[in-house]
Amino acid sequence: MHDNSEHGLRDLTKLNVWRRYQSTLSFVLFVAVQKVFPGARLRIEHSLTKGLYFVVNRKLSHSAMLDIEREMKRLIEKDVPITSKTMTKEQALRLFRQVGSRDKIIFLENTKKKRITVYSLCHVKDMYVMPPFASTGAARIFSLETYPPGYVLFFPTWQDLSRLPECKPQPKLARIFNEYGEWARILGINDIGQLNHAIRTGMGSEIVKITEALHEKKIVYISDRIVRSKKKLILIAGPSSAGKTTFTKRLAIQLYVNGLVPLIIEADDYFLPHSRTPCDEYGRLDFESIDAVDLPLLNQHLMRTIKGKKVMVPSYNFRTGRRNKGTEVRLSKNGVILLEGIHCLNEVFTRRIPKPLKLKIYISALTQLNIDDHNRISTTDTRMLRRIVRDTQFRGFDIRTILNRWSRVRKGEEKNIYPSQEEADEMFNSALVYEPAVLRNVCLSIVKRVKKREPEYEETKRLVDFLSLFCTLGERDVPSNSILREFIGGSSFVY
């Protein structure tokens, strides 16, 4: 097997071990909360500061938090077995109705799955999409912290399960998650069961329209802020498959409406020739590195453009690895530059441009739709599904290649994007509550191409199990300017 594939496969295995680590700790947390506060509701909502943000329907004092943490440590030290039993959906429904688990009941009533695996720890029953370990002692490293109005369960990163990472507060990211939570309340959809119910009862079209309207409202808000700020350089950054290109084009339209003339420049056109591109630890050209960009030329062109001078913006040819002669541009008196690139939040990237001229926007698909109270949907899985559909259908990539490259993409994001995300002046959440239901069928047909004998099969099986949780929603009602169209096709924009 090719070396790069071997690295990719090893990383996929590490990612899935890490996901099981999270499931195990989540189960231990749930059991500990039940021990300290019998009958309390625990809801794990999203990732935050390299941990999982959760809420409990009780106000936890400092001593109560310590009690929960001590109980978790006791369960882990005793290495208590976690058992599993597969049962029919009807049996699982009876079980969770007996204990009043409303989230599980709604999920089970609105899923087509016939067989359900239920896990047991200290007589507490729960469901997990990613199986927990066989016993609690396999997930030993964690900490609990207060993060008002909720709390955060910290654990190791997927690259190193032996220690807790250094964590920094992310107040801006927390606010954007709260905004998405408000959108979910407007829609009345927090979990898959509620989404499936809406689709089954003919409300799918309505959900699409309201979700897209919420997106447009936020883009209008950002456009209005740009007008008020009188900034000349708008920097747009985000991880892979966040929808940066469509967002930038939609923002440009709103700026036109506000009387500004946007000039879109892509940072990728300023890549250095292959001969000067840095390499990663495996000797591959590293286009994720900030040193892969000709920063002096980029900054010179930006400064000249801001001053109203003509500039010949290059066009980078990825096949030849060279910059070609591009297009001559000139910024209008009422113009504004929209620069899109993964490093745009990093101040080093545009260091020659005075800060008062710049406004930074971070965009990502920050999914907050849950499976149930204890099973969140990973934001990176949302972007992976987008990438799988787009790159297999429109860019000629094989599903196995995409999977093997995914960990490399994630490493680049963790190194080059996430450390700067709190530098953003504005954040835009490109996640659409309905999108997994639209991606479901086309994505299932793609991932099922991987056969059992192939090493990527375990990862595709995980994705098949996840996608099978959703009812199907046709793409007919998805508008042509939707961010989702960047990945499924049929967009009114040219890419």
Protein backbone atom coordinates (compact mmCIF):
# COMPACT_ATOMS: atom_id res chain seq x y z
CA MET A 1 0.00 0.00 0.00
CA HIS A 2 1.14 3.55 -0.69
CA ASP A 3 2.81 5.24 2.30
CA ASN A 4 0.36 8.13 2.28
CA SER A 5 -2.56 5.68 2.43
CA GLU A 6 -0.94 3.85 5.34
CA HIS A 7 -0.64 7.12 7.28
CA GLY A 8 -4.25 7.95 6.43
CA LEU A 9 -5.51 4.54 7.56
CA ARG A 10 -3.60 4.71 10.83
CA ASP A 11 -5.11 8.11 11.49
CA LEU A 12 -8.64 6.89 10.69
CA THR A 13 -8.13 4.12 13.26
CA LYS A 14 -6.89 6.64 15.84
CA LEU A 15 -9.88 8.90 15.17
CA ASN A 16 -12.30 6.04 15.78
CA VAL A 17 -10.55 5.00 19.00
CA TRP A 18 -10.86 8.65 20.09
CA ARG A 19 -14.58 8.63 19.26
CA ARG A 20 -15.02 5.52 21.41
CA TYR A 21 -13.10 7.28 24.19
CA GLN A 22 -15.64 10.12 24.02
CA SER A 23 -18.60 7.70 24.12
CA THR A 24 -17.12 5.95 27.16
CA LEU A 25 -16.53 9.20 29.05
CA SER A 26 -20.00 10.45 28.10
CA PHE A 27 -21.54 7.27 29.54
CA VAL A 28 -19.45 7.55 32.71
CA LEU A 29 -20.52 11.20 33.06
CA PHE A 30 -24.19 10.26 32.62
CA VAL A 31 -23.98 7.53 35.27
CA ALA A 32 -22.14 9.86 37.68
CA VAL A 33 -24.76 12.61 37.22
CA GLN A 34 -27.50 10.06 37.92
CA LYS A 35 -25.69 8.94 41.06
CA VAL A 36 -25.38 12.50 42.42
CA PHE A 37 -28.72 13.80 41.09
CA PRO A 38 -31.09 10.87 40.41
CA GLY A 39 -33.41 11.67 37.51
CA ALA A 40 -31.44 14.72 36.32
CA ARG A 41 -31.29 15.33 32.57
CA LEU A 42 -27.82 15.57 31.02
CA ARG A 43 -27.45 16.94 27.50
CA ILE A 44 -24.14 16.93 25.62
CA GLU A 45 -24.45 19.69 23.05
CA HIS A 46 -21.28 20.35 21.05
CA SER A 47 -17.48 20.46 21.05
CA LEU A 48 -15.84 23.49 22.68
CA THR A 49 -12.29 24.33 23.81
CA LYS A 50 -11.13 20.77 22.97
CA GLY A 51 -13.87 19.24 25.06
CA LEU A 52 -17.62 18.57 25.10
CA TYR A 53 -19.96 21.29 26.32
CA PHE A 54 -22.87 19.92 28.34
CA VAL A 55 -25.78 21.15 30.41
CA VAL A 56 -27.71 19.62 33.31
CA ASN A 57 -31.25 20.62 34.26
CA ARG A 58 -30.02 21.35 37.79
CA LYS A 59 -27.78 24.16 38.96
CA LEU A 60 -24.53 22.48 39.94
CA SER A 61 -22.62 23.99 42.83
CA HIS A 62 -18.86 23.67 42.98
CA SER A 63 -19.19 20.86 45.53
CA ALA A 64 -21.72 19.05 43.29
CA MET A 65 -19.28 19.26 40.37
CA LEU A 66 -16.58 17.77 42.59
CA ASP A 67 -18.98 14.99 43.62
CA ILE A 68 -19.67 14.15 39.95
CA GLU A 69 -15.97 14.20 39.12
CA ARG A 70 -15.15 11.95 42.10
CA GLU A 71 -17.86 9.50 41.05
CA MET A 72 -16.49 9.42 37.51
CA LYS A 73 -12.98 8.72 38.82
CA ARG A 74 -14.34 5.97 41.09
CA LEU A 75 -16.09 4.27 38.14
CA ILE A 76 -12.94 4.50 36.05
CA GLU A 77 -10.65 3.22 38.81
CA LYS A 78 -12.93 0.20 39.38
CA ASP A 79 -12.78 -0.52 35.61
CA VAL A 80 -16.50 -1.34 35.55
CA PRO A 81 -17.65 -3.46 32.56
CA ILE A 82 -19.85 -1.86 29.91
CA THR A 83 -22.10 -4.50 28.39
CA SER A 84 -24.26 -4.39 25.27
CA LYS A 85 -27.42 -6.07 24.06
CA THR A 86 -29.03 -5.87 20.64
CA MET A 87 -32.82 -5.80 20.70
CA THR A 88 -35.73 -4.94 18.47
CA LYS A 89 -36.84 -1.33 18.16
CA GLU A 90 -40.07 -2.20 20.02
CA GLN A 91 -38.10 -3.70 22.92
CA ALA A 92 -35.86 -0.62 23.11
CA LEU A 93 -38.90 1.65 23.07
CA ARG A 94 -40.47 -0.22 25.99
CA LEU A 95 -37.20 0.01 27.90
CA PHE A 96 -36.74 3.77 27.46
CA ARG A 97 -40.43 4.49 28.07
CA GLN A 98 -40.08 2.81 31.45
CA VAL A 99 -37.30 5.22 32.46
CA GLY A 100 -38.87 8.26 30.74
CA SER A 101 -36.03 8.98 28.29
CA ARG A 102 -37.96 11.33 26.03
CA ASP A 103 -35.02 11.95 23.67
CA LYS A 104 -34.58 8.21 23.03
CA ILE A 105 -38.31 7.69 22.57
CA ILE A 106 -38.58 10.42 19.90
CA PHE A 107 -35.53 9.02 18.11
CA LEU A 108 -36.80 5.44 18.12
CA GLU A 109 -40.31 6.42 17.05
CA ASN A 110 -38.88 8.19 13.99
CA THR A 111 -36.13 5.87 12.80
CA LYS A 112 -36.30 3.03 10.27
CA LYS A 113 -33.67 1.02 12.17
CA LYS A 114 -35.10 -2.35 13.20
CA ARG A 115 -32.33 -3.48 15.56
CA ILE A 116 -31.00 -1.30 18.37
CA THR A 117 -27.91 -1.84 20.52
CA VAL A 118 -28.39 -0.78 24.13
CA TYR A 119 -25.40 -0.38 26.48
CA SER A 120 -25.43 -0.95 30.24
CA LEU A 121 -23.21 0.55 32.94
CA CYS A 122 -24.12 0.07 36.62
CA HIS A 123 -27.72 -0.81 35.61
CA VAL A 124 -28.03 2.48 33.65
CA LYS A 125 -29.13 1.94 30.03
CA ASP A 126 -28.13 4.16 27.09
CA MET A 127 -27.56 4.15 23.33
CA TYR A 128 -24.35 5.23 21.58
CA VAL A 129 -23.71 5.54 17.87
CA MET A 130 -19.98 5.02 18.45
CA PRO A 131 -19.62 2.01 20.78
CA PRO A 132 -18.02 2.75 24.15
CA PHE A 133 -15.09 0.62 25.29
CA ALA A 134 -15.72 -2.70 27.02
CA SER A 135 -14.97 -1.16 30.42
CA THR A 136 -14.63 2.28 32.02
CA GLY A 137 -10.90 1.97 32.74
CA ALA A 138 -10.03 2.42 29.05
CA ALA A 139 -10.88 6.16 29.26
CA ARG A 140 -8.93 7.37 32.27
CA ILE A 141 -7.93 10.92 31.42
CA PHE A 142 -10.49 13.72 31.75
CA SER A 143 -11.44 16.83 33.71
CA LEU A 144 -14.62 18.81 34.34
CA GLU A 145 -14.82 22.60 34.25
CA THR A 146 -17.59 25.15 34.63
CA TYR A 147 -18.33 27.08 31.43
CA PRO A 148 -21.46 29.19 32.13
CA PRO A 149 -24.26 28.54 31.53
CA GLY A 150 -23.01 24.95 31.23
CA TYR A 151 -19.94 22.82 31.74
CA VAL A 152 -17.15 21.23 29.70
CA LEU A 153 -15.88 17.66 29.79
CA PHE A 154 -12.23 17.77 28.73
CA PHE A 155 -10.36 14.75 27.33
CA PRO A 156 -7.24 14.05 25.21
CA THR A 157 -6.97 14.83 21.49
CA TRP A 158 -7.12 12.10 18.87
CA GLN A 159 -3.40 12.44 18.19
CA ASP A 160 -2.39 11.77 21.81
CA LEU A 161 -4.68 9.95 24.23
CA SER A 162 -2.06 10.04 27.01
CA ARG A 163 -2.62 13.59 28.26
CA LEU A 164 -5.03 16.51 28.38
CA PRO A 165 -4.32 19.27 25.84
CA GLU A 166 -3.82 22.91 26.69
CA CYS A 167 -7.20 24.61 26.36
CA LYS A 168 -8.04 28.27 25.77
CA PRO A 169 -11.42 29.95 26.26
CA GLN A 170 -13.48 30.35 23.07
CA PRO A 171 -16.17 32.92 23.92
CA LYS A 172 -16.85 33.87 20.29
CA LEU A 173 -17.27 30.26 19.22
CA ALA A 174 -19.54 29.66 22.21
CA ARG A 175 -21.72 32.59 21.11
CA ILE A 176 -22.10 31.24 17.58
CA PHE A 177 -23.15 27.85 18.99
CA ASN A 178 -25.70 29.65 21.16
CA GLU A 179 -27.00 31.46 18.06
CA TYR A 180 -27.38 28.14 16.26
CA GLY A 181 -29.19 26.82 19.33
CA GLU A 182 -31.63 29.70 19.01
CA TRP A 183 -32.16 28.80 15.34
CA ALA A 184 -32.89 25.21 16.43
CA ARG A 185 -35.49 26.49 18.87
CA ILE A 186 -37.11 28.57 16.10
CA LEU A 187 -37.32 25.44 13.96
CA GLY A 188 -38.30 23.20 16.87
CA ILE A 189 -35.57 20.76 15.85
CA ASN A 190 -32.73 19.82 18.20
CA ASP A 191 -32.41 16.09 17.48
CA ILE A 192 -32.58 13.68 14.54
CA GLY A 193 -35.89 12.28 15.78
CA GLN A 194 -37.52 15.71 15.52
CA LEU A 195 -36.05 16.26 12.04
CA ASN A 196 -37.21 12.85 10.86
CA HIS A 197 -40.68 13.52 12.27
CA ALA A 198 -40.85 16.83 10.40
CA ILE A 199 -39.84 15.14 7.13
CA ARG A 200 -42.28 12.25 7.63
CA THR A 201 -45.17 14.65 8.27
CA GLY A 202 -44.49 16.74 5.16
CA MET A 203 -42.72 19.66 6.85
CA GLY A 204 -39.38 19.13 5.11
CA SER A 205 -39.91 21.92 2.57
CA GLU A 206 -40.81 24.35 5.34
CA ILE A 207 -37.69 23.42 7.32
CA VAL A 208 -35.50 24.10 4.27
CA LYS A 209 -37.06 27.51 3.66
CA ILE A 210 -36.78 28.68 7.27
CA THR A 211 -33.19 27.41 7.63
CA GLU A 212 -32.10 29.16 4.43
CA ALA A 213 -33.86 32.37 5.54
CA LEU A 214 -31.89 32.29 8.80
CA HIS A 215 -28.67 32.01 6.78
CA GLU A 216 -29.65 34.95 4.59
CA LYS A 217 -30.56 37.05 7.61
CA LYS A 218 -27.10 36.49 9.10
CA ILE A 219 -25.35 37.34 5.82
CA VAL A 220 -27.37 40.57 5.60
CA TYR A 221 -26.35 41.40 9.18
CA ILE A 222 -22.64 40.87 8.36
CA SER A 223 -22.96 42.97 5.19
CA ASP A 224 -24.56 45.81 7.16
CA ARG A 225 -21.73 45.67 9.69
CA ILE A 226 -19.13 45.92 6.91
CA VAL A 227 -20.88 49.02 5.57
CA ARG A 228 -20.93 50.66 9.01
CA SER A 229 -17.30 49.74 9.71
CA LYS A 230 -15.97 51.32 6.48
CA LYS A 231 -13.32 48.57 6.32
CA LYS A 232 -11.56 48.03 2.98
CA LEU A 233 -10.27 44.46 3.41
CA ILE A 234 -12.66 41.68 4.48
CA LEU A 235 -10.78 38.51 5.39
CA ILE A 236 -12.73 35.23 5.18
CA ALA A 237 -11.32 32.00 6.61
CA GLY A 238 -12.59 28.59 7.64
CA PRO A 239 -11.84 24.86 7.43
CA SER A 240 -12.29 22.58 4.43
CA SER A 241 -15.83 22.23 3.06
CA ALA A 242 -17.20 25.00 5.27
CA GLY A 243 -18.78 26.68 2.24
CA LYS A 244 -16.43 29.70 2.14
CA THR A 245 -16.79 30.21 -1.62
CA THR A 246 -20.59 30.34 -1.66
CA PHE A 247 -20.67 32.46 1.50
CA THR A 248 -18.27 34.96 -0.12
CA LYS A 249 -20.41 35.17 -3.27
CA ARG A 250 -23.61 35.66 -1.26
CA LEU A 251 -21.93 38.30 0.90
CA ALA A 252 -20.80 40.09 -2.28
CA ILE A 253 -24.42 40.29 -3.46
CA GLN A 254 -25.53 41.84 -0.17
CA LEU A 255 -22.67 44.34 -0.34
CA TYR A 256 -23.85 45.37 -3.82
CA VAL A 257 -27.33 45.87 -2.34
CA ASN A 258 -25.73 48.17 0.24
CA GLY A 259 -24.02 50.27 -2.42
CA LEU A 260 -20.52 48.80 -2.18
CA VAL A 261 -18.59 47.20 -5.06
CA PRO A 262 -16.89 44.00 -3.82
CA LEU A 263 -13.69 42.66 -5.37
CA ILE A 264 -13.16 38.95 -4.64
CA ILE A 265 -9.55 37.75 -4.44
CA GLU A 266 -8.58 34.15 -3.64
CA ALA A 267 -5.45 33.70 -1.53
CA ASP A 268 -4.77 30.36 -3.30
CA ASP A 269 -3.76 32.31 -6.42
CA TYR A 270 -0.71 33.53 -4.48
CA PHE A 271 0.74 30.08 -3.84
CA LEU A 272 4.46 29.78 -4.47
CA PRO A 273 5.72 27.55 -7.33
CA HIS A 274 6.04 23.88 -6.41
CA SER A 275 9.83 24.26 -6.31
CA ARG A 276 9.46 26.67 -3.37
CA THR A 277 6.49 25.01 -1.62
CA PRO A 278 7.39 23.58 1.82
CA CYS A 279 6.93 19.86 2.48
CA ASP A 280 5.25 18.13 5.41
CA GLU A 281 6.78 15.42 7.63
CA TYR A 282 6.16 12.80 4.94
CA GLY A 283 7.79 14.78 2.12
CA ARG A 284 4.50 15.85 0.52
CA LEU A 285 3.91 19.39 -0.74
CA ASP A 286 2.25 21.20 2.15
CA PHE A 287 -0.31 23.66 0.77
CA GLU A 288 -1.78 24.00 4.29
CA SER A 289 1.34 25.85 5.47
CA ILE A 290 1.32 29.64 5.58
CA ASP A 291 4.79 29.47 4.03
CA ALA A 292 3.25 28.01 0.85
CA VAL A 293 1.89 31.49 0.05
CA ASP A 294 3.92 34.35 -1.47
CA LEU A 295 3.15 36.72 1.40
CA PRO A 296 5.28 39.66 0.19
CA LEU A 297 3.54 39.67 -3.21
CA LEU A 298 0.08 39.20 -1.67
CA ASN A 299 0.57 42.07 0.78
CA GLN A 300 2.04 44.33 -1.91
CA HIS A 301 -0.94 43.69 -4.20
CA LEU A 302 -3.46 44.22 -1.41
CA MET A 303 -1.90 47.52 -0.39
CA ARG A 304 -1.76 48.77 -3.98
CA THR A 305 -5.38 47.71 -4.54
CA ILE A 306 -6.58 49.48 -1.38
CA LYS A 307 -4.85 52.64 -2.63
CA GLY A 308 -6.87 52.44 -5.85
CA LYS A 309 -4.03 51.36 -8.14
CA LYS A 310 -4.27 48.75 -10.88
CA VAL A 311 -2.98 45.27 -9.97
CA MET A 312 -2.50 42.14 -12.06
CA VAL A 313 -3.88 39.39 -9.80
CA PRO A 314 -2.24 36.05 -10.73
CA SER A 315 -4.04 32.78 -11.45
CA TYR A 316 -2.47 29.70 -9.87
CA ASN A 317 -2.37 26.47 -11.90
CA PHE A 318 -2.34 23.53 -9.49
CA ARG A 319 -1.48 21.08 -12.25
CA THR A 320 1.72 22.84 -13.32
CA GLY A 321 2.45 24.36 -9.91
CA ARG A 322 2.97 27.83 -11.37
CA ARG A 323 1.29 31.22 -11.26
CA ASN A 324 -0.07 32.36 -14.58
CA LYS A 325 -0.96 35.84 -15.72
CA GLY A 326 -4.39 36.52 -14.31
CA THR A 327 -6.74 39.47 -14.37
CA GLU A 328 -6.05 43.18 -14.00
CA VAL A 329 -8.21 44.65 -11.24
CA ARG A 330 -8.82 48.05 -9.74
CA LEU A 331 -10.84 48.82 -6.64
CA SER A 332 -13.68 51.29 -7.01
CA LYS A 333 -13.88 54.31 -4.71
CA ASN A 334 -16.80 52.62 -2.97
CA GLY A 335 -15.14 49.20 -3.28
CA VAL A 336 -14.21 46.58 -0.71
CA ILE A 337 -11.87 43.59 -1.07
CA LEU A 338 -13.10 40.12 -0.08
CA LEU A 339 -10.03 37.91 0.45
CA GLU A 340 -10.75 34.21 0.99
CA GLY A 341 -8.14 31.78 2.34
CA ILE A 342 -7.47 29.40 5.21
CA HIS A 343 -4.89 31.71 6.84
CA CYS A 344 -6.87 34.93 6.62
CA LEU A 345 -7.46 35.19 10.39
CA ASN A 346 -3.73 34.97 11.07
CA GLU A 347 -2.40 38.51 11.44
CA VAL A 348 0.92 37.44 9.89
CA PHE A 349 -0.90 36.68 6.64
CA THR A 350 -1.75 40.37 5.96
CA ARG A 351 0.86 41.95 8.23
CA ARG A 352 1.53 44.93 5.93
CA ILE A 353 -2.11 46.01 5.94
CA PRO A 354 -3.02 48.30 8.88
CA LYS A 355 -5.44 46.64 11.31
CA PRO A 356 -8.03 49.46 11.14
CA LEU A 357 -8.61 48.58 7.46
CA LYS A 358 -9.45 44.91 8.15
CA LEU A 359 -12.49 42.94 9.26
CA LYS A 360 -12.15 39.18 9.80
CA ILE A 361 -14.87 36.56 9.30
CA TYR A 362 -14.67 32.92 10.40
CA ILE A 363 -16.97 30.41 8.70
CA SER A 364 -17.53 26.77 9.61
CA ALA A 365 -20.28 24.15 9.65
CA LEU A 366 -20.82 24.08 13.41
CA THR A 367 -23.47 21.39 13.64
CA GLN A 368 -25.58 21.40 16.77
CA LEU A 369 -28.17 18.87 15.68
CA ASN A 370 -27.91 15.93 18.08
CA ILE A 371 -28.86 12.29 17.67
CA ASP A 372 -30.18 12.38 21.24
CA ASP A 373 -29.16 13.88 24.59
CA HIS A 374 -25.87 11.96 24.77
CA ASN A 375 -24.93 11.58 21.09
CA ARG A 376 -23.83 14.70 19.27
CA ILE A 377 -23.18 14.98 15.54
CA SER A 378 -19.57 15.92 14.90
CA THR A 379 -19.01 19.15 12.98
CA THR A 380 -16.12 17.49 11.17
CA ASP A 381 -18.40 14.63 10.04
CA THR A 382 -20.75 17.20 8.48
CA ARG A 383 -17.86 18.67 6.49
CA MET A 384 -16.56 15.21 5.58
CA LEU A 385 -19.92 14.26 4.06
CA ARG A 386 -19.98 17.50 2.06
CA ARG A 387 -16.47 16.81 0.79
CA ILE A 388 -17.24 13.19 -0.12
CA VAL A 389 -20.22 14.20 -2.27
CA ARG A 390 -18.51 17.16 -3.96
CA ASP A 391 -15.11 15.56 -4.61
CA THR A 392 -16.46 12.27 -5.97
CA GLN A 393 -19.14 13.85 -8.15
CA PHE A 394 -17.38 16.96 -9.44
CA ARG A 395 -13.62 16.65 -8.83
CA GLY A 396 -12.92 13.08 -9.90
CA PHE A 397 -11.68 11.77 -6.54
CA ASP A 398 -12.13 8.21 -5.31
CA ILE A 399 -13.92 7.72 -1.96
CA ARG A 400 -10.94 5.82 -0.51
CA THR A 401 -8.57 8.66 -1.40
CA ILE A 402 -10.85 11.21 0.28
CA LEU A 403 -11.02 9.15 3.47
CA ASN A 404 -7.27 8.64 3.57
CA ARG A 405 -6.62 12.35 3.13
CA TRP A 406 -9.14 13.47 5.74
CA SER A 407 -6.84 13.23 8.75
CA ARG A 408 -4.25 15.28 6.87
CA VAL A 409 -6.90 17.95 6.25
CA ARG A 410 -7.84 17.92 9.94
CA LYS A 411 -4.21 18.26 11.04
CA GLY A 412 -3.82 21.29 8.77
CA GLU A 413 -6.95 22.88 10.22
CA GLU A 414 -5.87 22.25 13.80
CA LYS A 415 -2.49 23.80 13.09
CA ASN A 416 -3.40 26.70 10.81
CA ILE A 417 -7.05 27.67 11.34
CA TYR A 418 -8.42 26.84 14.78
CA PRO A 419 -5.69 28.70 16.75
CA SER A 420 -6.78 31.97 15.07
CA GLN A 421 -10.58 31.54 15.04
CA GLU A 422 -11.11 33.74 18.11
CA GLU A 423 -9.42 36.58 16.15
CA ALA A 424 -12.55 36.83 14.00
CA ASP A 425 -14.74 39.94 14.20
CA GLU A 426 -17.70 37.94 12.91
CA MET A 427 -18.53 34.23 12.72
CA PHE A 428 -20.90 32.53 10.30
CA ASN A 429 -22.26 29.05 10.91
CA SER A 430 -22.78 27.39 7.52
CA ALA A 431 -24.42 24.24 8.94
CA LEU A 432 -27.95 23.56 7.74
CA VAL A 433 -30.14 21.52 10.07
CA TYR A 434 -31.67 19.62 7.16
CA GLU A 435 -28.53 18.87 5.13
CA PRO A 436 -27.76 15.28 6.32
CA ALA A 437 -31.24 14.27 5.14
CA VAL A 438 -30.45 15.67 1.66
CA LEU A 439 -26.93 14.23 1.54
CA ARG A 440 -28.13 10.83 2.78
CA ASN A 441 -28.95 8.89 -0.40
CA VAL A 442 -26.17 10.16 -2.65
CA CYS A 443 -23.59 9.79 0.10
CA LEU A 444 -24.76 6.27 0.98
CA SER A 445 -24.34 5.15 -2.63
CA ILE A 446 -20.79 6.54 -2.63
CA VAL A 447 -19.52 5.09 0.65
CA LYS A 448 -21.07 1.68 -0.10
CA ARG A 449 -18.61 1.37 -3.00
CA VAL A 450 -15.96 0.36 -0.47
CA LYS A 451 -15.94 -3.43 -0.06
CA LYS A 452 -15.49 -5.41 3.15
CA ARG A 453 -12.04 -6.60 2.14
CA GLU A 454 -10.75 -3.03 1.72
CA PRO A 455 -9.00 -1.33 4.66
CA GLU A 456 -11.28 1.74 4.58
CA TYR A 457 -14.39 -0.40 5.13
CA GLU A 458 -14.64 0.20 8.89
CA GLU A 459 -14.81 3.96 8.39
CA THR A 460 -17.39 3.68 5.60
CA LYS A 461 -19.46 1.33 7.79
CA ARG A 462 -19.47 4.03 10.49
CA LEU A 463 -20.72 6.58 7.94
CA VAL A 464 -23.37 4.17 6.60
CA ASP A 465 -24.66 3.58 10.14
CA PHE A 466 -24.78 7.33 10.75
CA LEU A 467 -26.52 8.23 7.47
CA SER A 468 -29.05 5.44 7.97
CA LEU A 469 -30.39 7.31 11.01
CA PHE A 470 -31.93 9.99 8.77
CA CYS A 471 -35.08 10.05 6.68
CA THR A 472 -34.45 11.16 3.11
CA LEU A 473 -35.26 14.69 2.01
CA GLY A 474 -35.21 15.50 -1.71
CA GLU A 475 -33.12 18.39 -2.97
CA ARG A 476 -35.97 20.00 -4.92
CA ASP A 477 -36.57 22.69 -2.30
CA VAL A 478 -32.88 23.52 -1.76
CA PRO A 479 -32.45 26.98 -3.34
CA SER A 480 -29.87 27.46 -6.08
CA ASN A 481 -27.84 29.89 -3.96
CA SER A 482 -27.71 27.60 -0.91
CA ILE A 483 -24.31 26.78 0.56
CA LEU A 484 -25.31 23.12 0.20
CA ARG A 485 -25.42 23.56 -3.60
CA GLU A 486 -21.64 24.07 -3.55
CA PHE A 487 -21.42 20.36 -2.70
CA ILE A 488 -24.44 18.67 -4.30
CA GLY A 489 -24.44 20.69 -7.54
CA GLY A 490 -27.10 22.81 -9.17
CA SER A 491 -25.77 26.11 -7.83
CA SER A 492 -26.55 29.40 -9.53
CA PHE A 493 -22.97 30.47 -8.80
CA VAL A 494 -19.96 29.63 -10.96
CA TYR A 495 -17.07 28.06 -9.04
